[in-house]
Amino acid sequence: TAFDHNAKFAMQYFRKGMRVGVQGMLHSTVKKTKSGDTVYPVSVTTKQ
């Protein structure tokens, strides 16, 4: 996920298939599945 200037940059220049470098912070949440299991999905919040 990219915010502010990173979002504008990604929208303007990034396209499917491009090789990119991403620096940022790992973000995780806690969710329950339909079967009752607990999962911890992760994503990267971009800094550069």
ModelCIF file with pLDDT and N, C-alpha, C, O atoms, coordinates in Angstrom:
data_MODEL
#
_entry.id   MODEL 
#
_entity.id                         1 
_entity.type                       polymer 
_entity.pdbx_number_of_molecules   1 
#
_entity_poly.entity_id                      1 
_entity_poly.type                           'polypeptide(L)' 
_entity_poly.nstd_linkage                   no 
_entity_poly.nstd_monomer                   no 
_entity_poly.pdbx_seq_one_letter_code       TAFDHNAKFAMQYFRKGMRVGVQGMLHSTVKKTKSGDTVYPVSVTTKQ 
_entity_poly.pdbx_seq_one_letter_code_can   TAFDHNAKFAMQYFRKGMRVGVQGMLHSTVKKTKSGDTVYPVSVTTKQ 
_entity_poly.pdbx_strand_id                 A 
#
loop_
_entity_poly_seq.entity_id 
_entity_poly_seq.num 
_entity_poly_seq.mon_id 
_entity_poly_seq.hetero 
1 1  THR n 
1 2  ALA n 
1 3  PHE n 
1 4  ASP n 
1 5  HIS n 
1 6  ASN n 
1 7  ALA n 
1 8  LYS n 
1 9  PHE n 
1 10 ALA n 
1 11 MET n 
1 12 GLN n 
1 13 TYR n 
1 14 PHE n 
1 15 ARG n 
1 16 LYS n 
1 17 GLY n 
1 18 MET n 
1 19 ARG n 
1 20 VAL n 
1 21 GLY n 
1 22 VAL n 
1 23 GLN n 
1 24 GLY n 
1 25 MET n 
1 26 LEU n 
1 27 HIS n 
1 28 SER n 
1 29 THR n 
1 30 VAL n 
1 31 LYS n 
1 32 LYS n 
1 33 THR n 
1 34 LYS n 
1 35 SER n 
1 36 GLY n 
1 37 ASP n 
1 38 THR n 
1 39 VAL n 
1 40 TYR n 
1 41 PRO n 
1 42 VAL n 
1 43 SER n 
1 44 VAL n 
1 45 THR n 
1 46 THR n 
1 47 LYS n 
1 48 GLN n 
#
_struct_asym.id          A 
_struct_asym.entity_id   1 
#
loop_
_ma_qa_metric.id 
_ma_qa_metric.mode 
_ma_qa_metric.name 
_ma_qa_metric.software_group_id 
_ma_qa_metric.type 
1 global pLDDT . pLDDT 
2 local  pLDDT . pLDDT 
#
_ma_qa_metric_global.metric_id      1 
_ma_qa_metric_global.metric_value   94.23 
_ma_qa_metric_global.model_id       1 
_ma_qa_metric_global.ordinal_id     1 
#
loop_
_ma_qa_metric_local.label_asym_id 
_ma_qa_metric_local.label_comp_id 
_ma_qa_metric_local.label_seq_id 
_ma_qa_metric_local.metric_id 
_ma_qa_metric_local.metric_value 
_ma_qa_metric_local.model_id 
_ma_qa_metric_local.ordinal_id 
A THR 1  2 96.00 1 1  
A ALA 2  2 96.00 1 2  
A PHE 3  2 95.00 1 3  
A ASP 4  2 92.00 1 4  
A HIS 5  2 93.00 1 5  
A ASN 6  2 95.00 1 6  
A ALA 7  2 95.00 1 7  
A LYS 8  2 94.00 1 8  
A PHE 9  2 95.00 1 9  
A ALA 10 2 95.00 1 10 
A MET 11 2 94.00 1 11 
A GLN 12 2 94.00 1 12 
A TYR 13 2 94.00 1 13 
A PHE 14 2 95.00 1 14 
A ARG 15 2 95.00 1 15 
A LYS 16 2 94.00 1 16 
A GLY 17 2 93.00 1 17 
A MET 18 2 94.00 1 18 
A ARG 19 2 95.00 1 19 
A VAL 20 2 96.00 1 20 
A GLY 21 2 96.00 1 21 
A VAL 22 2 97.00 1 22 
A GLN 23 2 97.00 1 23 
A GLY 24 2 96.00 1 24 
A MET 25 2 97.00 1 25 
A LEU 26 2 95.00 1 26 
A HIS 27 2 92.00 1 27 
A SER 28 2 92.00 1 28 
A THR 29 2 91.00 1 29 
A VAL 30 2 93.00 1 30 
A LYS 31 2 92.00 1 31 
A LYS 32 2 92.00 1 32 
A THR 33 2 92.00 1 33 
A LYS 34 2 93.00 1 34 
A SER 35 2 94.00 1 35 
A GLY 36 2 93.00 1 36 
A ASP 37 2 94.00 1 37 
A THR 38 2 94.00 1 38 
A VAL 39 2 92.00 1 39 
A TYR 40 2 93.00 1 40 
A PRO 41 2 91.00 1 41 
A VAL 42 2 93.00 1 42 
A SER 43 2 95.00 1 43 
A VAL 44 2 96.00 1 44 
A THR 45 2 96.00 1 45 
A THR 46 2 96.00 1 46 
A LYS 47 2 96.00 1 47 
A GLN 48 2 95.00 1 48 
#
loop_
_atom_site.group_PDB 
_atom_site.id 
_atom_site.type_symbol 
_atom_site.label_atom_id 
_atom_site.label_alt_id 
_atom_site.label_comp_id 
_atom_site.label_asym_id 
_atom_site.label_entity_id 
_atom_site.label_seq_id 
_atom_site.pdbx_PDB_ins_code 
_atom_site.Cartn_x 
_atom_site.Cartn_y 
_atom_site.Cartn_z 
_atom_site.occupancy 
_atom_site.B_iso_or_equiv 
_atom_site.pdbx_formal_charge 
_atom_site.auth_seq_id 
_atom_site.auth_comp_id 
_atom_site.auth_asym_id 
_atom_site.auth_atom_id 
_atom_site.pdbx_PDB_model_num 
ATOM 1   N N  . THR A 1 1  ? 0.852   -1.176  0.000   1.00 96.00 ? 1  THR A N  1 
ATOM 2   C CA . THR A 1 1  ? 0.000   0.000   0.000   1.00 96.00 ? 1  THR A CA 1 
ATOM 3   C C  . THR A 1 1  ? 0.892   1.232   0.000   1.00 96.00 ? 1  THR A C  1 
ATOM 4   O O  . THR A 1 1  ? 1.813   1.339   0.810   1.00 96.00 ? 1  THR A O  1 
ATOM 5   N N  . ALA A 1 2  ? 0.616   2.165   -0.916  1.00 96.00 ? 2  ALA A N  1 
ATOM 6   C CA . ALA A 1 2  ? 1.391   3.400   -1.020  1.00 96.00 ? 2  ALA A CA 1 
ATOM 7   C C  . ALA A 1 2  ? 0.469   4.593   -0.763  1.00 96.00 ? 2  ALA A C  1 
ATOM 8   O O  . ALA A 1 2  ? -0.660  4.630   -1.254  1.00 96.00 ? 2  ALA A O  1 
ATOM 9   N N  . PHE A 1 3  ? 0.952   5.558   0.003   1.00 95.00 ? 3  PHE A N  1 
ATOM 10  C CA . PHE A 1 3  ? 0.201   6.770   0.321   1.00 95.00 ? 3  PHE A CA 1 
ATOM 11  C C  . PHE A 1 3  ? 0.919   7.996   -0.244  1.00 95.00 ? 3  PHE A C  1 
ATOM 12  O O  . PHE A 1 3  ? 2.092   7.925   -0.613  1.00 95.00 ? 3  PHE A O  1 
ATOM 13  N N  . ASP A 1 4  ? 0.212   9.107   -0.307  1.00 92.00 ? 4  ASP A N  1 
ATOM 14  C CA . ASP A 1 4  ? 0.749   10.421  -0.648  1.00 92.00 ? 4  ASP A CA 1 
ATOM 15  C C  . ASP A 1 4  ? 1.568   10.401  -1.940  1.00 92.00 ? 4  ASP A C  1 
ATOM 16  O O  . ASP A 1 4  ? 1.093   9.938   -2.977  1.00 92.00 ? 4  ASP A O  1 
ATOM 17  N N  . HIS A 1 5  ? 2.824   10.917  -1.866  1.00 93.00 ? 5  HIS A N  1 
ATOM 18  C CA . HIS A 1 5  ? 3.655   11.008  -3.076  1.00 93.00 ? 5  HIS A CA 1 
ATOM 19  C C  . HIS A 1 5  ? 4.016   9.637   -3.636  1.00 93.00 ? 5  HIS A C  1 
ATOM 20  O O  . HIS A 1 5  ? 4.183   9.489   -4.847  1.00 93.00 ? 5  HIS A O  1 
ATOM 21  N N  . ASN A 1 6  ? 4.139   8.635   -2.770  1.00 95.00 ? 6  ASN A N  1 
ATOM 22  C CA . ASN A 1 6  ? 4.423   7.280   -3.268  1.00 95.00 ? 6  ASN A CA 1 
ATOM 23  C C  . ASN A 1 6  ? 3.254   6.745   -4.092  1.00 95.00 ? 6  ASN A C  1 
ATOM 24  O O  . ASN A 1 6  ? 3.462   6.064   -5.096  1.00 95.00 ? 6  ASN A O  1 
ATOM 25  N N  . ALA A 1 7  ? 2.031   7.051   -3.673  1.00 95.00 ? 7  ALA A N  1 
ATOM 26  C CA . ALA A 1 7  ? 0.850   6.609   -4.419  1.00 95.00 ? 7  ALA A CA 1 
ATOM 27  C C  . ALA A 1 7  ? 0.809   7.285   -5.783  1.00 95.00 ? 7  ALA A C  1 
ATOM 28  O O  . ALA A 1 7  ? 0.533   6.634   -6.790  1.00 95.00 ? 7  ALA A O  1 
ATOM 29  N N  . LYS A 1 8  ? 1.078   8.575   -5.821  1.00 94.00 ? 8  LYS A N  1 
ATOM 30  C CA . LYS A 1 8  ? 1.087   9.300   -7.094  1.00 94.00 ? 8  LYS A CA 1 
ATOM 31  C C  . LYS A 1 8  ? 2.174   8.762   -8.013  1.00 94.00 ? 8  LYS A C  1 
ATOM 32  O O  . LYS A 1 8  ? 1.947   8.594   -9.212  1.00 94.00 ? 8  LYS A O  1 
ATOM 33  N N  . PHE A 1 9  ? 3.352   8.490   -7.460  1.00 95.00 ? 9  PHE A N  1 
ATOM 34  C CA . PHE A 1 9  ? 4.468   7.947   -8.241  1.00 95.00 ? 9  PHE A CA 1 
ATOM 35  C C  . PHE A 1 9  ? 4.102   6.573   -8.816  1.00 95.00 ? 9  PHE A C  1 
ATOM 36  O O  . PHE A 1 9  ? 4.304   6.316   -10.003 1.00 95.00 ? 9  PHE A O  1 
ATOM 37  N N  . ALA A 1 10 ? 3.569   5.704   -7.971  1.00 95.00 ? 10 ALA A N  1 
ATOM 38  C CA . ALA A 1 10 ? 3.201   4.357   -8.424  1.00 95.00 ? 10 ALA A CA 1 
ATOM 39  C C  . ALA A 1 10 ? 2.121   4.405   -9.495  1.00 95.00 ? 10 ALA A C  1 
ATOM 40  O O  . ALA A 1 10 ? 2.194   3.676   -10.485 1.00 95.00 ? 10 ALA A O  1 
ATOM 41  N N  . MET A 1 11 ? 1.124   5.256   -9.303  1.00 94.00 ? 11 MET A N  1 
ATOM 42  C CA . MET A 1 11 ? 0.048   5.355   -10.288 1.00 94.00 ? 11 MET A CA 1 
ATOM 43  C C  . MET A 1 11 ? 0.562   5.887   -11.623 1.00 94.00 ? 11 MET A C  1 
ATOM 44  O O  . MET A 1 11 ? 0.074   5.490   -12.682 1.00 94.00 ? 11 MET A O  1 
ATOM 45  N N  . GLN A 1 12 ? 1.531   6.770   -11.574 1.00 94.00 ? 12 GLN A N  1 
ATOM 46  C CA . GLN A 1 12 ? 2.029   7.369   -12.811 1.00 94.00 ? 12 GLN A CA 1 
ATOM 47  C C  . GLN A 1 12 ? 2.997   6.448   -13.556 1.00 94.00 ? 12 GLN A C  1 
ATOM 48  O O  . GLN A 1 12 ? 2.963   6.402   -14.786 1.00 94.00 ? 12 GLN A O  1 
ATOM 49  N N  . TYR A 1 13 ? 3.858   5.713   -12.845 1.00 94.00 ? 13 TYR A N  1 
ATOM 50  C CA . TYR A 1 13 ? 4.939   5.003   -13.507 1.00 94.00 ? 13 TYR A CA 1 
ATOM 51  C C  . TYR A 1 13 ? 4.897   3.480   -13.426 1.00 94.00 ? 13 TYR A C  1 
ATOM 52  O O  . TYR A 1 13 ? 5.461   2.818   -14.297 1.00 94.00 ? 13 TYR A O  1 
ATOM 53  N N  . PHE A 1 14 ? 4.257   2.906   -12.423 1.00 95.00 ? 14 PHE A N  1 
ATOM 54  C CA . PHE A 1 14 ? 4.288   1.453   -12.259 1.00 95.00 ? 14 PHE A CA 1 
ATOM 55  C C  . PHE A 1 14 ? 3.250   0.785   -13.145 1.00 95.00 ? 14 PHE A C  1 
ATOM 56  O O  . PHE A 1 14 ? 2.112   1.245   -13.234 1.00 95.00 ? 14 PHE A O  1 
ATOM 57  N N  . ARG A 1 15 ? 3.648   -0.307  -13.803 1.00 95.00 ? 15 ARG A N  1 
ATOM 58  C CA . ARG A 1 15 ? 2.765   -1.082  -14.664 1.00 95.00 ? 15 ARG A CA 1 
ATOM 59  C C  . ARG A 1 15 ? 3.023   -2.572  -14.443 1.00 95.00 ? 15 ARG A C  1 
ATOM 60  O O  . ARG A 1 15 ? 4.117   -2.976  -14.050 1.00 95.00 ? 15 ARG A O  1 
ATOM 61  N N  . LYS A 1 16 ? 2.015   -3.363  -14.698 1.00 94.00 ? 16 LYS A N  1 
ATOM 62  C CA . LYS A 1 16 ? 2.085   -4.823  -14.559 1.00 94.00 ? 16 LYS A CA 1 
ATOM 63  C C  . LYS A 1 16 ? 3.332   -5.356  -15.266 1.00 94.00 ? 16 LYS A C  1 
ATOM 64  O O  . LYS A 1 16 ? 3.637   -4.974  -16.396 1.00 94.00 ? 16 LYS A O  1 
ATOM 65  N N  . GLY A 1 17 ? 4.046   -6.251  -14.573 1.00 93.00 ? 17 GLY A N  1 
ATOM 66  C CA . GLY A 1 17 ? 5.226   -6.896  -15.130 1.00 93.00 ? 17 GLY A CA 1 
ATOM 67  C C  . GLY A 1 17 ? 6.532   -6.190  -14.850 1.00 93.00 ? 17 GLY A C  1 
ATOM 68  O O  . GLY A 1 17 ? 7.594   -6.792  -15.003 1.00 93.00 ? 17 GLY A O  1 
ATOM 69  N N  . MET A 1 18 ? 6.490   -4.912  -14.438 1.00 94.00 ? 18 MET A N  1 
ATOM 70  C CA . MET A 1 18 ? 7.718   -4.177  -14.134 1.00 94.00 ? 18 MET A CA 1 
ATOM 71  C C  . MET A 1 18 ? 8.397   -4.762  -12.904 1.00 94.00 ? 18 MET A C  1 
ATOM 72  O O  . MET A 1 18 ? 7.738   -5.240  -11.981 1.00 94.00 ? 18 MET A O  1 
ATOM 73  N N  . ARG A 1 19 ? 9.717   -4.716  -12.908 1.00 95.00 ? 19 ARG A N  1 
ATOM 74  C CA . ARG A 1 19 ? 10.491  -5.118  -11.742 1.00 95.00 ? 19 ARG A CA 1 
ATOM 75  C C  . ARG A 1 19 ? 10.721  -3.866  -10.910 1.00 95.00 ? 19 ARG A C  1 
ATOM 76  O O  . ARG A 1 19 ? 11.279  -2.883  -11.396 1.00 95.00 ? 19 ARG A O  1 
ATOM 77  N N  . VAL A 1 20 ? 10.287  -3.907  -9.645  1.00 96.00 ? 20 VAL A N  1 
ATOM 78  C CA . VAL A 1 20 ? 10.342  -2.728  -8.777  1.00 96.00 ? 20 VAL A CA 1 
ATOM 79  C C  . VAL A 1 20 ? 10.993  -3.068  -7.444  1.00 96.00 ? 20 VAL A C  1 
ATOM 80  O O  . VAL A 1 20 ? 11.026  -4.223  -7.022  1.00 96.00 ? 20 VAL A O  1 
ATOM 81  N N  . GLY A 1 21 ? 11.504  -2.040  -6.801  1.00 96.00 ? 21 GLY A N  1 
ATOM 82  C CA . GLY A 1 21 ? 12.025  -2.153  -5.447  1.00 96.00 ? 21 GLY A CA 1 
ATOM 83  C C  . GLY A 1 21 ? 11.104  -1.404  -4.506  1.00 96.00 ? 21 GLY A C  1 
ATOM 84  O O  . GLY A 1 21 ? 10.675  -0.289  -4.802  1.00 96.00 ? 21 GLY A O  1 
ATOM 85  N N  . VAL A 1 22 ? 10.800  -2.015  -3.376  1.00 97.00 ? 22 VAL A N  1 
ATOM 86  C CA . VAL A 1 22 ? 9.905   -1.409  -2.390  1.00 97.00 ? 22 VAL A CA 1 
ATOM 87  C C  . VAL A 1 22 ? 10.581  -1.472  -1.025  1.00 97.00 ? 22 VAL A C  1 
ATOM 88  O O  . VAL A 1 22 ? 11.042  -2.528  -0.592  1.00 97.00 ? 22 VAL A O  1 
ATOM 89  N N  . GLN A 1 23 ? 10.632  -0.327  -0.359  1.00 97.00 ? 23 GLN A N  1 
ATOM 90  C CA . GLN A 1 23 ? 11.086  -0.277  1.027   1.00 97.00 ? 23 GLN A CA 1 
ATOM 91  C C  . GLN A 1 23 ? 9.925   0.242   1.856   1.00 97.00 ? 23 GLN A C  1 
ATOM 92  O O  . GLN A 1 23 ? 9.186   1.130   1.432   1.00 97.00 ? 23 GLN A O  1 
ATOM 93  N N  . GLY A 1 24 ? 9.779   -0.325  3.038   1.00 96.00 ? 24 GLY A N  1 
ATOM 94  C CA . GLY A 1 24 ? 8.681   0.120   3.878   1.00 96.00 ? 24 GLY A CA 1 
ATOM 95  C C  . GLY A 1 24 ? 8.626   -0.606  5.194   1.00 96.00 ? 24 GLY A C  1 
ATOM 96  O O  . GLY A 1 24 ? 9.634   -1.098  5.701   1.00 96.00 ? 24 GLY A O  1 
ATOM 97  N N  . MET A 1 25 ? 7.414   -0.664  5.745   1.00 97.00 ? 25 MET A N  1 
ATOM 98  C CA . MET A 1 25 ? 7.189   -1.308  7.037   1.00 97.00 ? 25 MET A CA 1 
ATOM 99  C C  . MET A 1 25 ? 6.203   -2.450  6.868   1.00 97.00 ? 25 MET A C  1 
ATOM 100 O O  . MET A 1 25 ? 5.255   -2.347  6.090   1.00 97.00 ? 25 MET A O  1 
ATOM 101 N N  . LEU A 1 26 ? 6.419   -3.516  7.579   1.00 95.00 ? 26 LEU A N  1 
ATOM 102 C CA . LEU A 1 26 ? 5.513   -4.657  7.571   1.00 95.00 ? 26 LEU A CA 1 
ATOM 103 C C  . LEU A 1 26 ? 4.310   -4.337  8.442   1.00 95.00 ? 26 LEU A C  1 
ATOM 104 O O  . LEU A 1 26 ? 4.445   -3.851  9.565   1.00 95.00 ? 26 LEU A O  1 
ATOM 105 N N  . HIS A 1 27 ? 3.126   -4.621  7.900   1.00 92.00 ? 27 HIS A N  1 
ATOM 106 C CA . HIS A 1 27 ? 1.883   -4.356  8.625   1.00 92.00 ? 27 HIS A CA 1 
ATOM 107 C C  . HIS A 1 27 ? 1.094   -5.667  8.678   1.00 92.00 ? 27 HIS A C  1 
ATOM 108 O O  . HIS A 1 27 ? 0.913   -6.325  7.654   1.00 92.00 ? 27 HIS A O  1 
ATOM 109 N N  . SER A 1 28 ? 0.637   -6.036  9.844   1.00 92.00 ? 28 SER A N  1 
ATOM 110 C CA . SER A 1 28 ? -0.152  -7.266  9.959   1.00 92.00 ? 28 SER A CA 1 
ATOM 111 C C  . SER A 1 28 ? -1.457  -6.988  10.712  1.00 92.00 ? 28 SER A C  1 
ATOM 112 O O  . SER A 1 28 ? -1.566  -6.043  11.493  1.00 92.00 ? 28 SER A O  1 
ATOM 113 N N  . THR A 1 29 ? -2.427  -7.844  10.445  1.00 91.00 ? 29 THR A N  1 
ATOM 114 C CA . THR A 1 29 ? -3.713  -7.758  11.131  1.00 91.00 ? 29 THR A CA 1 
ATOM 115 C C  . THR A 1 29 ? -4.071  -9.151  11.634  1.00 91.00 ? 29 THR A C  1 
ATOM 116 O O  . THR A 1 29 ? -3.402  -10.128 11.298  1.00 91.00 ? 29 THR A O  1 
ATOM 117 N N  . VAL A 1 30 ? -5.103  -9.240  12.423  1.00 93.00 ? 30 VAL A N  1 
ATOM 118 C CA . VAL A 1 30 ? -5.587  -10.523 12.912  1.00 93.00 ? 30 VAL A CA 1 
ATOM 119 C C  . VAL A 1 30 ? -6.999  -10.714 12.374  1.00 93.00 ? 30 VAL A C  1 
ATOM 120 O O  . VAL A 1 30 ? -7.858  -9.848  12.540  1.00 93.00 ? 30 VAL A O  1 
ATOM 121 N N  . LYS A 1 31 ? -7.234  -11.852 11.729  1.00 92.00 ? 31 LYS A N  1 
ATOM 122 C CA . LYS A 1 31 ? -8.558  -12.137 11.177  1.00 92.00 ? 31 LYS A CA 1 
ATOM 123 C C  . LYS A 1 31 ? -8.957  -13.573 11.491  1.00 92.00 ? 31 LYS A C  1 
ATOM 124 O O  . LYS A 1 31 ? -8.106  -14.452 11.630  1.00 92.00 ? 31 LYS A O  1 
ATOM 125 N N  . LYS A 1 32 ? -10.245 -13.793 11.597  1.00 92.00 ? 32 LYS A N  1 
ATOM 126 C CA . LYS A 1 32 ? -10.797 -15.140 11.770  1.00 92.00 ? 32 LYS A CA 1 
ATOM 127 C C  . LYS A 1 32 ? -11.341 -15.617 10.432  1.00 92.00 ? 32 LYS A C  1 
ATOM 128 O O  . LYS A 1 32 ? -12.048 -14.877 9.748   1.00 92.00 ? 32 LYS A O  1 
ATOM 129 N N  . THR A 1 33 ? -11.012 -16.856 10.053  1.00 92.00 ? 33 THR A N  1 
ATOM 130 C CA . THR A 1 33 ? -11.545 -17.421 8.823   1.00 92.00 ? 33 THR A CA 1 
ATOM 131 C C  . THR A 1 33 ? -12.940 -17.972 9.078   1.00 92.00 ? 33 THR A C  1 
ATOM 132 O O  . THR A 1 33 ? -13.385 -18.033 10.224  1.00 92.00 ? 33 THR A O  1 
ATOM 133 N N  . LYS A 1 34 ? -13.630 -18.372 8.022   1.00 93.00 ? 34 LYS A N  1 
ATOM 134 C CA . LYS A 1 34 ? -14.967 -18.960 8.164   1.00 93.00 ? 34 LYS A CA 1 
ATOM 135 C C  . LYS A 1 34 ? -14.935 -20.231 8.992   1.00 93.00 ? 34 LYS A C  1 
ATOM 136 O O  . LYS A 1 34 ? -15.904 -20.577 9.666   1.00 93.00 ? 34 LYS A O  1 
ATOM 137 N N  . SER A 1 35 ? -13.792 -20.926 8.929   1.00 94.00 ? 35 SER A N  1 
ATOM 138 C CA . SER A 1 35 ? -13.678 -22.163 9.699   1.00 94.00 ? 35 SER A CA 1 
ATOM 139 C C  . SER A 1 35 ? -13.262 -21.921 11.149  1.00 94.00 ? 35 SER A C  1 
ATOM 140 O O  . SER A 1 35 ? -13.128 -22.866 11.926  1.00 94.00 ? 35 SER A O  1 
ATOM 141 N N  . GLY A 1 36 ? -13.055 -20.639 11.513  1.00 93.00 ? 36 GLY A N  1 
ATOM 142 C CA . GLY A 1 36 ? -12.727 -20.320 12.900  1.00 93.00 ? 36 GLY A CA 1 
ATOM 143 C C  . GLY A 1 36 ? -11.241 -20.215 13.183  1.00 93.00 ? 36 GLY A C  1 
ATOM 144 O O  . GLY A 1 36 ? -10.850 -19.913 14.311  1.00 93.00 ? 36 GLY A O  1 
ATOM 145 N N  . ASP A 1 37 ? -10.399 -20.459 12.177  1.00 94.00 ? 37 ASP A N  1 
ATOM 146 C CA . ASP A 1 37 ? -8.954  -20.335 12.377  1.00 94.00 ? 37 ASP A CA 1 
ATOM 147 C C  . ASP A 1 37 ? -8.559  -18.860 12.442  1.00 94.00 ? 37 ASP A C  1 
ATOM 148 O O  . ASP A 1 37 ? -9.207  -18.002 11.842  1.00 94.00 ? 37 ASP A O  1 
ATOM 149 N N  . THR A 1 38 ? -7.498  -18.589 13.174  1.00 94.00 ? 38 THR A N  1 
ATOM 150 C CA . THR A 1 38 ? -6.954  -17.237 13.235  1.00 94.00 ? 38 THR A CA 1 
ATOM 151 C C  . THR A 1 38 ? -5.802  -17.141 12.243  1.00 94.00 ? 38 THR A C  1 
ATOM 152 O O  . THR A 1 38 ? -4.895  -17.974 12.253  1.00 94.00 ? 38 THR A O  1 
ATOM 153 N N  . VAL A 1 39 ? -5.841  -16.116 11.380  1.00 92.00 ? 39 VAL A N  1 
ATOM 154 C CA . VAL A 1 39 ? -4.765  -15.892 10.419  1.00 92.00 ? 39 VAL A CA 1 
ATOM 155 C C  . VAL A 1 39 ? -4.214  -14.483 10.625  1.00 92.00 ? 39 VAL A C  1 
ATOM 156 O O  . VAL A 1 39 ? -4.896  -13.608 11.159  1.00 92.00 ? 39 VAL A O  1 
ATOM 157 N N  . TYR A 1 40 ? -2.979  -14.282 10.196  1.00 93.00 ? 40 TYR A N  1 
ATOM 158 C CA . TYR A 1 40 ? -2.298  -13.013 10.363  1.00 93.00 ? 40 TYR A CA 1 
ATOM 159 C C  . TYR A 1 40 ? -1.806  -12.512 9.003   1.00 93.00 ? 40 TYR A C  1 
ATOM 160 O O  . TYR A 1 40 ? -0.617  -12.617 8.698   1.00 93.00 ? 40 TYR A O  1 
ATOM 161 N N  . PRO A 1 41 ? -2.715  -11.966 8.182   1.00 91.00 ? 41 PRO A N  1 
ATOM 162 C CA . PRO A 1 41 ? -2.279  -11.473 6.877   1.00 91.00 ? 41 PRO A CA 1 
ATOM 163 C C  . PRO A 1 41 ? -1.333  -10.283 7.025   1.00 91.00 ? 41 PRO A C  1 
ATOM 164 O O  . PRO A 1 41 ? -1.509  -9.444  7.908   1.00 91.00 ? 41 PRO A O  1 
ATOM 165 N N  . VAL A 1 42 ? -0.329  -10.221 6.150   1.00 93.00 ? 42 VAL A N  1 
ATOM 166 C CA . VAL A 1 42 ? 0.648   -9.144  6.201   1.00 93.00 ? 42 VAL A CA 1 
ATOM 167 C C  . VAL A 1 42 ? 0.660   -8.373  4.889   1.00 93.00 ? 42 VAL A C  1 
ATOM 168 O O  . VAL A 1 42 ? 0.297   -8.902  3.838   1.00 93.00 ? 42 VAL A O  1 
ATOM 169 N N  . SER A 1 43 ? 1.079   -7.124  4.965   1.00 95.00 ? 43 SER A N  1 
ATOM 170 C CA . SER A 1 43 ? 1.277   -6.297  3.782   1.00 95.00 ? 43 SER A CA 1 
ATOM 171 C C  . SER A 1 43 ? 2.417   -5.334  4.093   1.00 95.00 ? 43 SER A C  1 
ATOM 172 O O  . SER A 1 43 ? 2.858   -5.217  5.237   1.00 95.00 ? 43 SER A O  1 
ATOM 173 N N  . VAL A 1 44 ? 2.882   -4.652  3.058   1.00 96.00 ? 44 VAL A N  1 
ATOM 174 C CA . VAL A 1 44 ? 3.949   -3.667  3.230   1.00 96.00 ? 44 VAL A CA 1 
ATOM 175 C C  . VAL A 1 44 ? 3.366   -2.277  2.995   1.00 96.00 ? 44 VAL A C  1 
ATOM 176 O O  . VAL A 1 44 ? 2.745   -2.022  1.963   1.00 96.00 ? 44 VAL A O  1 
ATOM 177 N N  . THR A 1 45 ? 3.569   -1.388  3.954   1.00 96.00 ? 45 THR A N  1 
ATOM 178 C CA . THR A 1 45 ? 3.227   0.020   3.783   1.00 96.00 ? 45 THR A CA 1 
ATOM 179 C C  . THR A 1 45 ? 4.498   0.700   3.294   1.00 96.00 ? 45 THR A C  1 
ATOM 180 O O  . THR A 1 45 ? 5.510   0.703   3.995   1.00 96.00 ? 45 THR A O  1 
ATOM 181 N N  . THR A 1 46 ? 4.452   1.278   2.093   1.00 96.00 ? 46 THR A N  1 
ATOM 182 C CA . THR A 1 46 ? 5.664   1.752   1.443   1.00 96.00 ? 46 THR A CA 1 
ATOM 183 C C  . THR A 1 46 ? 6.196   3.041   2.040   1.00 96.00 ? 46 THR A C  1 
ATOM 184 O O  . THR A 1 46 ? 5.437   3.905   2.480   1.00 96.00 ? 46 THR A O  1 
ATOM 185 N N  . LYS A 1 47 ? 7.504   3.149   2.046   1.00 96.00 ? 47 LYS A N  1 
ATOM 186 C CA . LYS A 1 47 ? 8.209   4.381   2.406   1.00 96.00 ? 47 LYS A CA 1 
ATOM 187 C C  . LYS A 1 47 ? 8.969   4.914   1.195   1.00 96.00 ? 47 LYS A C  1 
ATOM 188 O O  . LYS A 1 47 ? 9.094   6.126   1.015   1.00 96.00 ? 47 LYS A O  1 
ATOM 189 N N  . GLN A 1 48 ? 9.483   3.987   0.355   1.00 95.00 ? 48 GLN A N  1 
ATOM 190 C CA . GLN A 1 48 ? 10.231  4.387   -0.838  1.00 95.00 ? 48 GLN A CA 1 
ATOM 191 C C  . GLN A 1 48 ? 9.978   3.376   -1.946  1.00 95.00 ? 48 GLN A C  1 
ATOM 192 O O  . GLN A 1 48 ? 10.513  3.519   -3.046  1.00 95.00 ? 48 GLN A O  1 
#
